[in-house]
Amino acid sequence: MAIAIVVAIVLIASALLILRPNPEEVVAVSQDHVLRVEGVTRSSSLVLIERLDGVETSIPNLVSPVYEVSLTDSGTLQESVFTFSFPALSSDLLIQDVAVYQFSRETLSWEVVPTFFDLDTQTLTSAVEFSGSVLVGLGTRVL
C-alpha cells in the first residue's frame, strides 16, 4: 500500500511538472523606439507598450514620455530589463544625470529604480519585475 501511495505521488508530481507552462522570453519595443522591454514569463503573455502623452506626473524634470507596460494575460514578467534609448530623446542633460522612475501603487508616487547607463550605446537600463502593468519614465536624479 505504501508503494502505491509513493507511485501515485510521483505520477501526480510528474504530471504537474509536464503541464506547467515553460518559460518564454518576450521582447517588446515602443513605437517611437525609445523603450525596449525584455523578460521571461510563464503565462504565454505578450508585452504591450503604450506611450502616454499629456500625463501630468511628479517625476522631477521629466525627460521622456511616460510609458505603460502591460502583460496581455495575468502573469509576471521576471528577469525583465527596461532599456531606454537616450539619443532618441531631445534633452540637454547628461545621461549620467538621468534615472528610470517607476510609479509605485503602494506609495502612489514615482520612485527611482536602480539605473545603469552605457555611454557607448547611450542607453539607460533598469531591472523592473512586475505583474499586470507598470508605469515608467525618465527623469533627473534627485540627490
N, C-alpha and C. Protein backbone atom coordinates (compact mmCIF):
# COMPACT_ATOMS: atom_id res chain seq x y z
N MET A 1 0.82 -1.19 0.00
CA MET A 1 0.00 0.00 0.00
C MET A 1 0.86 1.25 0.00
N ALA A 2 1.96 1.26 0.79
CA ALA A 2 2.84 2.42 0.86
C ALA A 2 3.52 2.68 -0.49
N ILE A 3 3.85 1.60 -1.20
CA ILE A 3 4.48 1.75 -2.51
C ILE A 3 3.50 2.38 -3.49
N ALA A 4 2.24 1.98 -3.42
CA ALA A 4 1.22 2.54 -4.31
C ALA A 4 1.04 4.04 -4.06
N ILE A 5 1.10 4.45 -2.82
CA ILE A 5 0.97 5.88 -2.48
C ILE A 5 2.16 6.67 -3.03
N VAL A 6 3.36 6.11 -2.87
CA VAL A 6 4.56 6.77 -3.37
C VAL A 6 4.50 6.88 -4.89
N VAL A 7 4.09 5.80 -5.57
CA VAL A 7 3.98 5.82 -7.03
C VAL A 7 2.95 6.86 -7.47
N ALA A 8 1.82 6.94 -6.78
CA ALA A 8 0.78 7.92 -7.12
C ALA A 8 1.30 9.35 -6.95
N ILE A 9 2.03 9.59 -5.88
CA ILE A 9 2.58 10.93 -5.65
C ILE A 9 3.57 11.29 -6.75
N VAL A 10 4.44 10.35 -7.12
CA VAL A 10 5.42 10.60 -8.17
C VAL A 10 4.72 10.86 -9.50
N LEU A 11 3.69 10.11 -9.83
CA LEU A 11 2.95 10.31 -11.08
C LEU A 11 2.26 11.67 -11.11
N ILE A 12 1.64 12.06 -10.01
CA ILE A 12 0.95 13.35 -9.95
C ILE A 12 1.96 14.50 -10.06
N ALA A 13 3.07 14.39 -9.34
CA ALA A 13 4.10 15.43 -9.41
C ALA A 13 4.68 15.54 -10.82
N SER A 14 4.90 14.41 -11.47
CA SER A 14 5.42 14.41 -12.84
C SER A 14 4.43 15.06 -13.80
N ALA A 15 3.15 14.73 -13.64
CA ALA A 15 2.13 15.33 -14.50
C ALA A 15 2.06 16.84 -14.31
N LEU A 16 2.18 17.32 -13.08
CA LEU A 16 2.15 18.76 -12.83
C LEU A 16 3.35 19.46 -13.45
N LEU A 17 4.52 18.82 -13.39
CA LEU A 17 5.71 19.42 -14.00
C LEU A 17 5.60 19.46 -15.51
N ILE A 18 5.02 18.44 -16.10
CA ILE A 18 4.87 18.38 -17.55
C ILE A 18 3.85 19.41 -18.02
N LEU A 19 2.77 19.59 -17.28
CA LEU A 19 1.71 20.50 -17.69
C LEU A 19 2.01 21.96 -17.36
N ARG A 20 3.00 22.21 -16.51
CA ARG A 20 3.36 23.58 -16.14
C ARG A 20 3.94 24.28 -17.36
N PRO A 21 3.49 25.51 -17.63
CA PRO A 21 3.99 26.21 -18.81
C PRO A 21 5.50 26.46 -18.73
N ASN A 22 6.14 26.32 -19.86
CA ASN A 22 7.57 26.60 -19.95
C ASN A 22 7.79 28.11 -19.97
N PRO A 23 8.90 28.56 -19.44
CA PRO A 23 9.16 29.99 -19.51
C PRO A 23 9.40 30.43 -20.95
N GLU A 24 8.88 31.61 -21.28
CA GLU A 24 9.06 32.15 -22.61
C GLU A 24 9.72 33.51 -22.50
N GLU A 25 10.68 33.76 -23.35
CA GLU A 25 11.30 35.08 -23.37
C GLU A 25 10.48 35.97 -24.29
N VAL A 26 10.15 37.16 -23.81
CA VAL A 26 9.38 38.11 -24.61
C VAL A 26 10.17 39.40 -24.76
N VAL A 27 9.98 40.04 -25.90
CA VAL A 27 10.64 41.31 -26.20
C VAL A 27 9.61 42.22 -26.83
N ALA A 28 9.60 43.49 -26.40
CA ALA A 28 8.70 44.48 -27.00
C ALA A 28 9.46 45.79 -27.12
N VAL A 29 9.12 46.56 -28.15
CA VAL A 29 9.74 47.86 -28.39
C VAL A 29 8.62 48.87 -28.60
N SER A 30 8.75 50.04 -27.98
CA SER A 30 7.73 51.08 -28.16
C SER A 30 7.74 51.56 -29.61
N GLN A 31 6.62 52.12 -30.04
CA GLN A 31 6.52 52.57 -31.43
C GLN A 31 7.53 53.66 -31.77
N ASP A 32 7.89 54.48 -30.78
CA ASP A 32 8.87 55.53 -31.03
C ASP A 32 10.31 55.05 -30.83
N HIS A 33 10.49 53.78 -30.53
CA HIS A 33 11.81 53.13 -30.37
C HIS A 33 12.64 53.70 -29.22
N VAL A 34 11.98 54.30 -28.23
CA VAL A 34 12.69 54.82 -27.07
C VAL A 34 12.83 53.74 -26.01
N LEU A 35 11.81 52.90 -25.83
CA LEU A 35 11.80 51.89 -24.77
C LEU A 35 11.77 50.49 -25.35
N ARG A 36 12.65 49.64 -24.82
CA ARG A 36 12.68 48.21 -25.16
C ARG A 36 12.53 47.44 -23.86
N VAL A 37 11.64 46.45 -23.86
CA VAL A 37 11.39 45.63 -22.67
C VAL A 37 11.66 44.18 -23.03
N GLU A 38 12.47 43.51 -22.20
CA GLU A 38 12.75 42.09 -22.37
C GLU A 38 12.52 41.40 -21.04
N GLY A 39 12.02 40.18 -21.08
CA GLY A 39 11.82 39.44 -19.85
C GLY A 39 11.36 38.02 -20.11
N VAL A 40 11.06 37.32 -19.02
CA VAL A 40 10.63 35.93 -19.09
C VAL A 40 9.28 35.81 -18.40
N THR A 41 8.36 35.11 -19.04
CA THR A 41 7.05 34.88 -18.45
C THR A 41 6.66 33.42 -18.65
N ARG A 42 5.82 32.93 -17.76
CA ARG A 42 5.33 31.55 -17.87
C ARG A 42 3.89 31.51 -18.39
N SER A 43 3.29 32.66 -18.62
CA SER A 43 1.87 32.67 -18.96
C SER A 43 1.60 32.90 -20.44
N SER A 44 2.58 32.73 -21.28
CA SER A 44 2.49 32.97 -22.72
C SER A 44 1.82 34.32 -23.00
N SER A 45 2.22 35.32 -22.24
CA SER A 45 1.71 36.67 -22.41
C SER A 45 2.54 37.43 -23.43
N LEU A 46 1.96 38.47 -23.96
CA LEU A 46 2.68 39.42 -24.77
C LEU A 46 2.86 40.68 -23.96
N VAL A 47 3.93 41.40 -24.22
CA VAL A 47 4.16 42.67 -23.56
C VAL A 47 3.70 43.78 -24.50
N LEU A 48 2.88 44.67 -23.97
CA LEU A 48 2.41 45.82 -24.74
C LEU A 48 2.99 47.08 -24.13
N ILE A 49 3.46 47.98 -24.97
CA ILE A 49 3.99 49.26 -24.51
C ILE A 49 3.14 50.37 -25.11
N GLU A 50 2.57 51.20 -24.25
CA GLU A 50 1.74 52.31 -24.71
C GLU A 50 2.35 53.61 -24.20
N ARG A 51 2.58 54.52 -25.11
CA ARG A 51 3.10 55.85 -24.75
C ARG A 51 1.93 56.71 -24.28
N LEU A 52 2.07 57.29 -23.10
CA LEU A 52 1.01 58.12 -22.53
C LEU A 52 1.42 59.58 -22.65
N ASP A 53 0.91 60.27 -23.64
CA ASP A 53 1.22 61.68 -23.83
C ASP A 53 0.29 62.54 -23.00
N GLY A 54 0.79 63.67 -22.54
CA GLY A 54 -0.02 64.61 -21.79
C GLY A 54 -0.33 64.17 -20.38
N VAL A 55 0.45 63.25 -19.86
CA VAL A 55 0.21 62.78 -18.50
C VAL A 55 0.97 63.69 -17.53
N GLU A 56 0.25 64.28 -16.58
CA GLU A 56 0.89 65.09 -15.56
C GLU A 56 1.51 64.14 -14.54
N THR A 57 2.78 64.32 -14.26
CA THR A 57 3.45 63.44 -13.31
C THR A 57 4.28 64.26 -12.34
N SER A 58 4.74 63.61 -11.34
CA SER A 58 5.63 64.27 -10.38
C SER A 58 7.06 63.77 -10.54
N ILE A 59 7.40 63.27 -11.72
CA ILE A 59 8.78 62.89 -11.98
C ILE A 59 9.59 64.18 -12.09
N PRO A 60 10.65 64.31 -11.31
CA PRO A 60 11.46 65.53 -11.39
C PRO A 60 12.04 65.72 -12.79
N ASN A 61 11.79 66.86 -13.37
CA ASN A 61 12.32 67.19 -14.70
C ASN A 61 12.15 66.03 -15.68
N LEU A 62 10.93 65.71 -15.97
CA LEU A 62 10.61 64.61 -16.89
C LEU A 62 11.39 64.76 -18.18
N VAL A 63 12.08 63.69 -18.58
CA VAL A 63 12.94 63.71 -19.76
C VAL A 63 12.32 62.91 -20.91
N SER A 64 11.51 61.93 -20.61
CA SER A 64 10.92 61.07 -21.64
C SER A 64 9.41 61.07 -21.48
N PRO A 65 8.72 60.52 -22.46
CA PRO A 65 7.30 60.28 -22.24
C PRO A 65 7.12 59.24 -21.14
N VAL A 66 5.93 59.16 -20.60
CA VAL A 66 5.60 58.10 -19.66
C VAL A 66 5.06 56.94 -20.48
N TYR A 67 5.48 55.74 -20.13
CA TYR A 67 5.04 54.54 -20.83
C TYR A 67 4.31 53.62 -19.86
N GLU A 68 3.23 53.02 -20.35
CA GLU A 68 2.56 51.96 -19.59
C GLU A 68 2.94 50.65 -20.25
N VAL A 69 3.59 49.79 -19.47
CA VAL A 69 4.00 48.48 -19.97
C VAL A 69 3.08 47.46 -19.30
N SER A 70 2.42 46.63 -20.10
CA SER A 70 1.47 45.67 -19.52
C SER A 70 1.59 44.32 -20.21
N LEU A 71 1.13 43.29 -19.48
CA LEU A 71 1.07 41.93 -20.00
C LEU A 71 -0.35 41.66 -20.48
N THR A 72 -0.49 40.92 -21.59
CA THR A 72 -1.82 40.64 -22.12
C THR A 72 -2.59 39.65 -21.27
N ASP A 73 -1.90 38.75 -20.59
CA ASP A 73 -2.54 37.79 -19.68
C ASP A 73 -2.05 38.07 -18.27
N SER A 74 -2.77 37.51 -17.32
CA SER A 74 -2.27 37.65 -15.95
C SER A 74 -0.99 36.84 -15.84
N GLY A 75 -0.05 37.39 -15.18
CA GLY A 75 1.24 36.74 -15.03
C GLY A 75 2.25 37.75 -14.56
N THR A 76 3.48 37.31 -14.48
CA THR A 76 4.56 38.17 -14.02
C THR A 76 5.67 38.15 -15.05
N LEU A 77 6.23 39.32 -15.31
CA LEU A 77 7.40 39.40 -16.17
C LEU A 77 8.62 39.38 -15.26
N GLN A 78 9.35 38.27 -15.33
CA GLN A 78 10.51 38.07 -14.47
C GLN A 78 11.78 38.33 -15.27
N GLU A 79 12.86 38.60 -14.55
CA GLU A 79 14.15 38.87 -15.18
C GLU A 79 14.00 39.94 -16.26
N SER A 80 13.12 40.91 -16.02
CA SER A 80 12.83 41.90 -17.04
C SER A 80 13.85 43.03 -17.02
N VAL A 81 14.16 43.51 -18.20
CA VAL A 81 15.09 44.61 -18.37
C VAL A 81 14.41 45.67 -19.23
N PHE A 82 14.37 46.90 -18.70
CA PHE A 82 13.83 48.04 -19.42
C PHE A 82 15.02 48.85 -19.93
N THR A 83 15.10 49.08 -21.23
CA THR A 83 16.20 49.82 -21.82
C THR A 83 15.65 51.04 -22.54
N PHE A 84 16.06 52.22 -22.10
CA PHE A 84 15.67 53.47 -22.73
C PHE A 84 16.81 53.94 -23.63
N SER A 85 16.47 54.33 -24.86
CA SER A 85 17.45 54.87 -25.79
C SER A 85 17.54 56.37 -25.55
N PHE A 86 18.65 56.82 -25.03
CA PHE A 86 18.80 58.22 -24.65
C PHE A 86 18.93 59.16 -25.86
N PRO A 87 19.64 58.79 -26.94
CA PRO A 87 19.78 59.72 -28.06
C PRO A 87 18.44 60.05 -28.72
N ALA A 88 17.46 59.19 -28.59
CA ALA A 88 16.16 59.43 -29.21
C ALA A 88 15.39 60.54 -28.49
N LEU A 89 15.86 60.94 -27.34
CA LEU A 89 15.20 61.96 -26.55
C LEU A 89 15.87 63.31 -26.79
N SER A 90 15.06 64.36 -26.85
CA SER A 90 15.63 65.69 -27.02
C SER A 90 15.87 66.29 -25.64
N SER A 91 17.12 66.31 -25.22
CA SER A 91 17.45 66.81 -23.90
C SER A 91 18.86 67.35 -23.89
N ASP A 92 19.08 68.36 -23.06
CA ASP A 92 20.42 68.91 -22.90
C ASP A 92 21.14 68.27 -21.72
N LEU A 93 20.50 67.31 -21.08
CA LEU A 93 21.07 66.67 -19.89
C LEU A 93 22.13 65.65 -20.27
N LEU A 94 23.03 65.41 -19.33
CA LEU A 94 23.97 64.31 -19.48
C LEU A 94 23.27 63.02 -19.09
N ILE A 95 23.62 61.93 -19.74
CA ILE A 95 22.99 60.64 -19.46
C ILE A 95 23.20 60.21 -18.00
N GLN A 96 24.30 60.63 -17.41
CA GLN A 96 24.60 60.26 -16.02
C GLN A 96 23.64 60.93 -15.03
N ASP A 97 22.97 61.99 -15.44
CA ASP A 97 22.07 62.72 -14.56
C ASP A 97 20.63 62.22 -14.63
N VAL A 98 20.38 61.19 -15.41
CA VAL A 98 19.02 60.71 -15.66
C VAL A 98 18.84 59.34 -15.00
N ALA A 99 17.61 59.07 -14.53
CA ALA A 99 17.29 57.77 -13.91
C ALA A 99 15.93 57.31 -14.39
N VAL A 100 15.70 56.01 -14.29
CA VAL A 100 14.40 55.43 -14.61
C VAL A 100 13.53 55.54 -13.36
N TYR A 101 12.31 55.99 -13.56
CA TYR A 101 11.32 56.10 -12.48
C TYR A 101 10.19 55.12 -12.76
N GLN A 102 9.68 54.52 -11.68
CA GLN A 102 8.54 53.59 -11.75
C GLN A 102 7.48 54.11 -10.79
N PHE A 103 6.22 54.08 -11.24
CA PHE A 103 5.14 54.51 -10.36
C PHE A 103 4.81 53.38 -9.39
N SER A 104 4.84 53.70 -8.09
CA SER A 104 4.56 52.70 -7.06
C SER A 104 3.08 52.78 -6.68
N ARG A 105 2.41 51.67 -6.79
CA ARG A 105 0.99 51.62 -6.40
C ARG A 105 0.82 51.63 -4.89
N GLU A 106 1.87 51.24 -4.14
CA GLU A 106 1.79 51.23 -2.68
C GLU A 106 1.87 52.66 -2.13
N THR A 107 2.83 53.43 -2.62
CA THR A 107 3.02 54.79 -2.10
C THR A 107 2.34 55.85 -2.96
N LEU A 108 1.82 55.45 -4.12
CA LEU A 108 1.19 56.37 -5.07
C LEU A 108 2.12 57.53 -5.44
N SER A 109 3.38 57.17 -5.65
CA SER A 109 4.36 58.18 -6.05
C SER A 109 5.39 57.54 -6.99
N TRP A 110 6.17 58.39 -7.64
CA TRP A 110 7.21 57.92 -8.54
C TRP A 110 8.47 57.62 -7.73
N GLU A 111 9.08 56.47 -7.98
CA GLU A 111 10.27 56.06 -7.27
C GLU A 111 11.38 55.72 -8.25
N VAL A 112 12.59 56.09 -7.89
CA VAL A 112 13.74 55.79 -8.73
C VAL A 112 14.05 54.30 -8.67
N VAL A 113 14.30 53.73 -9.83
CA VAL A 113 14.70 52.33 -9.94
C VAL A 113 16.21 52.34 -10.18
N PRO A 114 16.98 51.44 -9.57
CA PRO A 114 18.42 51.41 -9.87
C PRO A 114 18.64 51.39 -11.38
N THR A 115 19.40 52.37 -11.83
CA THR A 115 19.57 52.61 -13.26
C THR A 115 21.04 52.54 -13.63
N PHE A 116 21.33 51.86 -14.71
CA PHE A 116 22.69 51.74 -15.22
C PHE A 116 22.74 52.40 -16.58
N PHE A 117 23.74 53.22 -16.82
CA PHE A 117 23.85 53.89 -18.11
C PHE A 117 25.09 53.40 -18.84
N ASP A 118 24.98 53.37 -20.15
CA ASP A 118 26.08 52.95 -21.02
C ASP A 118 26.39 54.11 -21.95
N LEU A 119 27.56 54.72 -21.76
CA LEU A 119 27.93 55.87 -22.59
C LEU A 119 28.17 55.48 -24.05
N ASP A 120 28.64 54.24 -24.26
CA ASP A 120 28.93 53.81 -25.63
C ASP A 120 27.66 53.68 -26.46
N THR A 121 26.64 53.04 -25.88
CA THR A 121 25.40 52.83 -26.63
C THR A 121 24.35 53.90 -26.34
N GLN A 122 24.64 54.81 -25.39
CA GLN A 122 23.71 55.87 -25.00
C GLN A 122 22.35 55.29 -24.59
N THR A 123 22.40 54.28 -23.70
CA THR A 123 21.17 53.67 -23.20
C THR A 123 21.16 53.68 -21.68
N LEU A 124 19.97 53.68 -21.12
CA LEU A 124 19.75 53.54 -19.68
C LEU A 124 19.00 52.25 -19.47
N THR A 125 19.46 51.42 -18.53
CA THR A 125 18.88 50.10 -18.30
C THR A 125 18.50 49.93 -16.84
N SER A 126 17.32 49.33 -16.61
CA SER A 126 16.86 49.02 -15.26
C SER A 126 16.16 47.67 -15.26
N ALA A 127 16.27 46.98 -14.13
CA ALA A 127 15.53 45.73 -13.94
C ALA A 127 14.23 46.07 -13.21
N VAL A 128 13.10 45.77 -13.83
CA VAL A 128 11.79 46.07 -13.24
C VAL A 128 10.91 44.84 -13.40
N GLU A 129 10.68 44.10 -12.30
CA GLU A 129 9.78 42.96 -12.36
C GLU A 129 8.38 43.43 -11.99
N PHE A 130 7.39 42.96 -12.72
CA PHE A 130 6.02 43.40 -12.45
C PHE A 130 5.03 42.35 -12.90
N SER A 131 3.82 42.51 -12.41
CA SER A 131 2.70 41.71 -12.89
C SER A 131 1.59 42.69 -13.24
N GLY A 132 0.81 42.39 -14.24
CA GLY A 132 -0.24 43.30 -14.68
C GLY A 132 0.32 44.40 -15.54
N SER A 133 0.55 45.58 -14.94
CA SER A 133 1.11 46.69 -15.69
C SER A 133 1.95 47.57 -14.78
N VAL A 134 2.76 48.41 -15.41
CA VAL A 134 3.63 49.32 -14.68
C VAL A 134 3.80 50.59 -15.52
N LEU A 135 3.93 51.73 -14.83
CA LEU A 135 4.21 53.00 -15.50
C LEU A 135 5.67 53.33 -15.27
N VAL A 136 6.39 53.72 -16.34
CA VAL A 136 7.80 54.06 -16.24
C VAL A 136 8.08 55.31 -17.06
N GLY A 137 9.13 56.01 -16.69
CA GLY A 137 9.58 57.18 -17.42
C GLY A 137 10.97 57.56 -16.97
N LEU A 138 11.57 58.53 -17.67
CA LEU A 138 12.89 59.02 -17.31
C LEU A 138 12.78 60.41 -16.72
N GLY A 139 13.59 60.66 -15.71
CA GLY A 139 13.66 61.98 -15.11
C GLY A 139 15.04 62.18 -14.53
N THR A 140 15.31 63.40 -14.07
CA THR A 140 16.61 63.65 -13.48
C THR A 140 16.71 63.01 -12.12
N ARG A 141 17.91 62.67 -11.72
CA ARG A 141 18.15 62.07 -10.41
C ARG A 141 17.94 63.11 -9.33
N VAL A 142 17.28 62.70 -8.26
CA VAL A 142 17.09 63.57 -7.11
C VAL A 142 18.18 63.24 -6.11
N LEU A 143 18.95 64.23 -5.73
CA LEU A 143 20.05 63.99 -4.80
C LEU A 143 19.63 64.25 -3.39
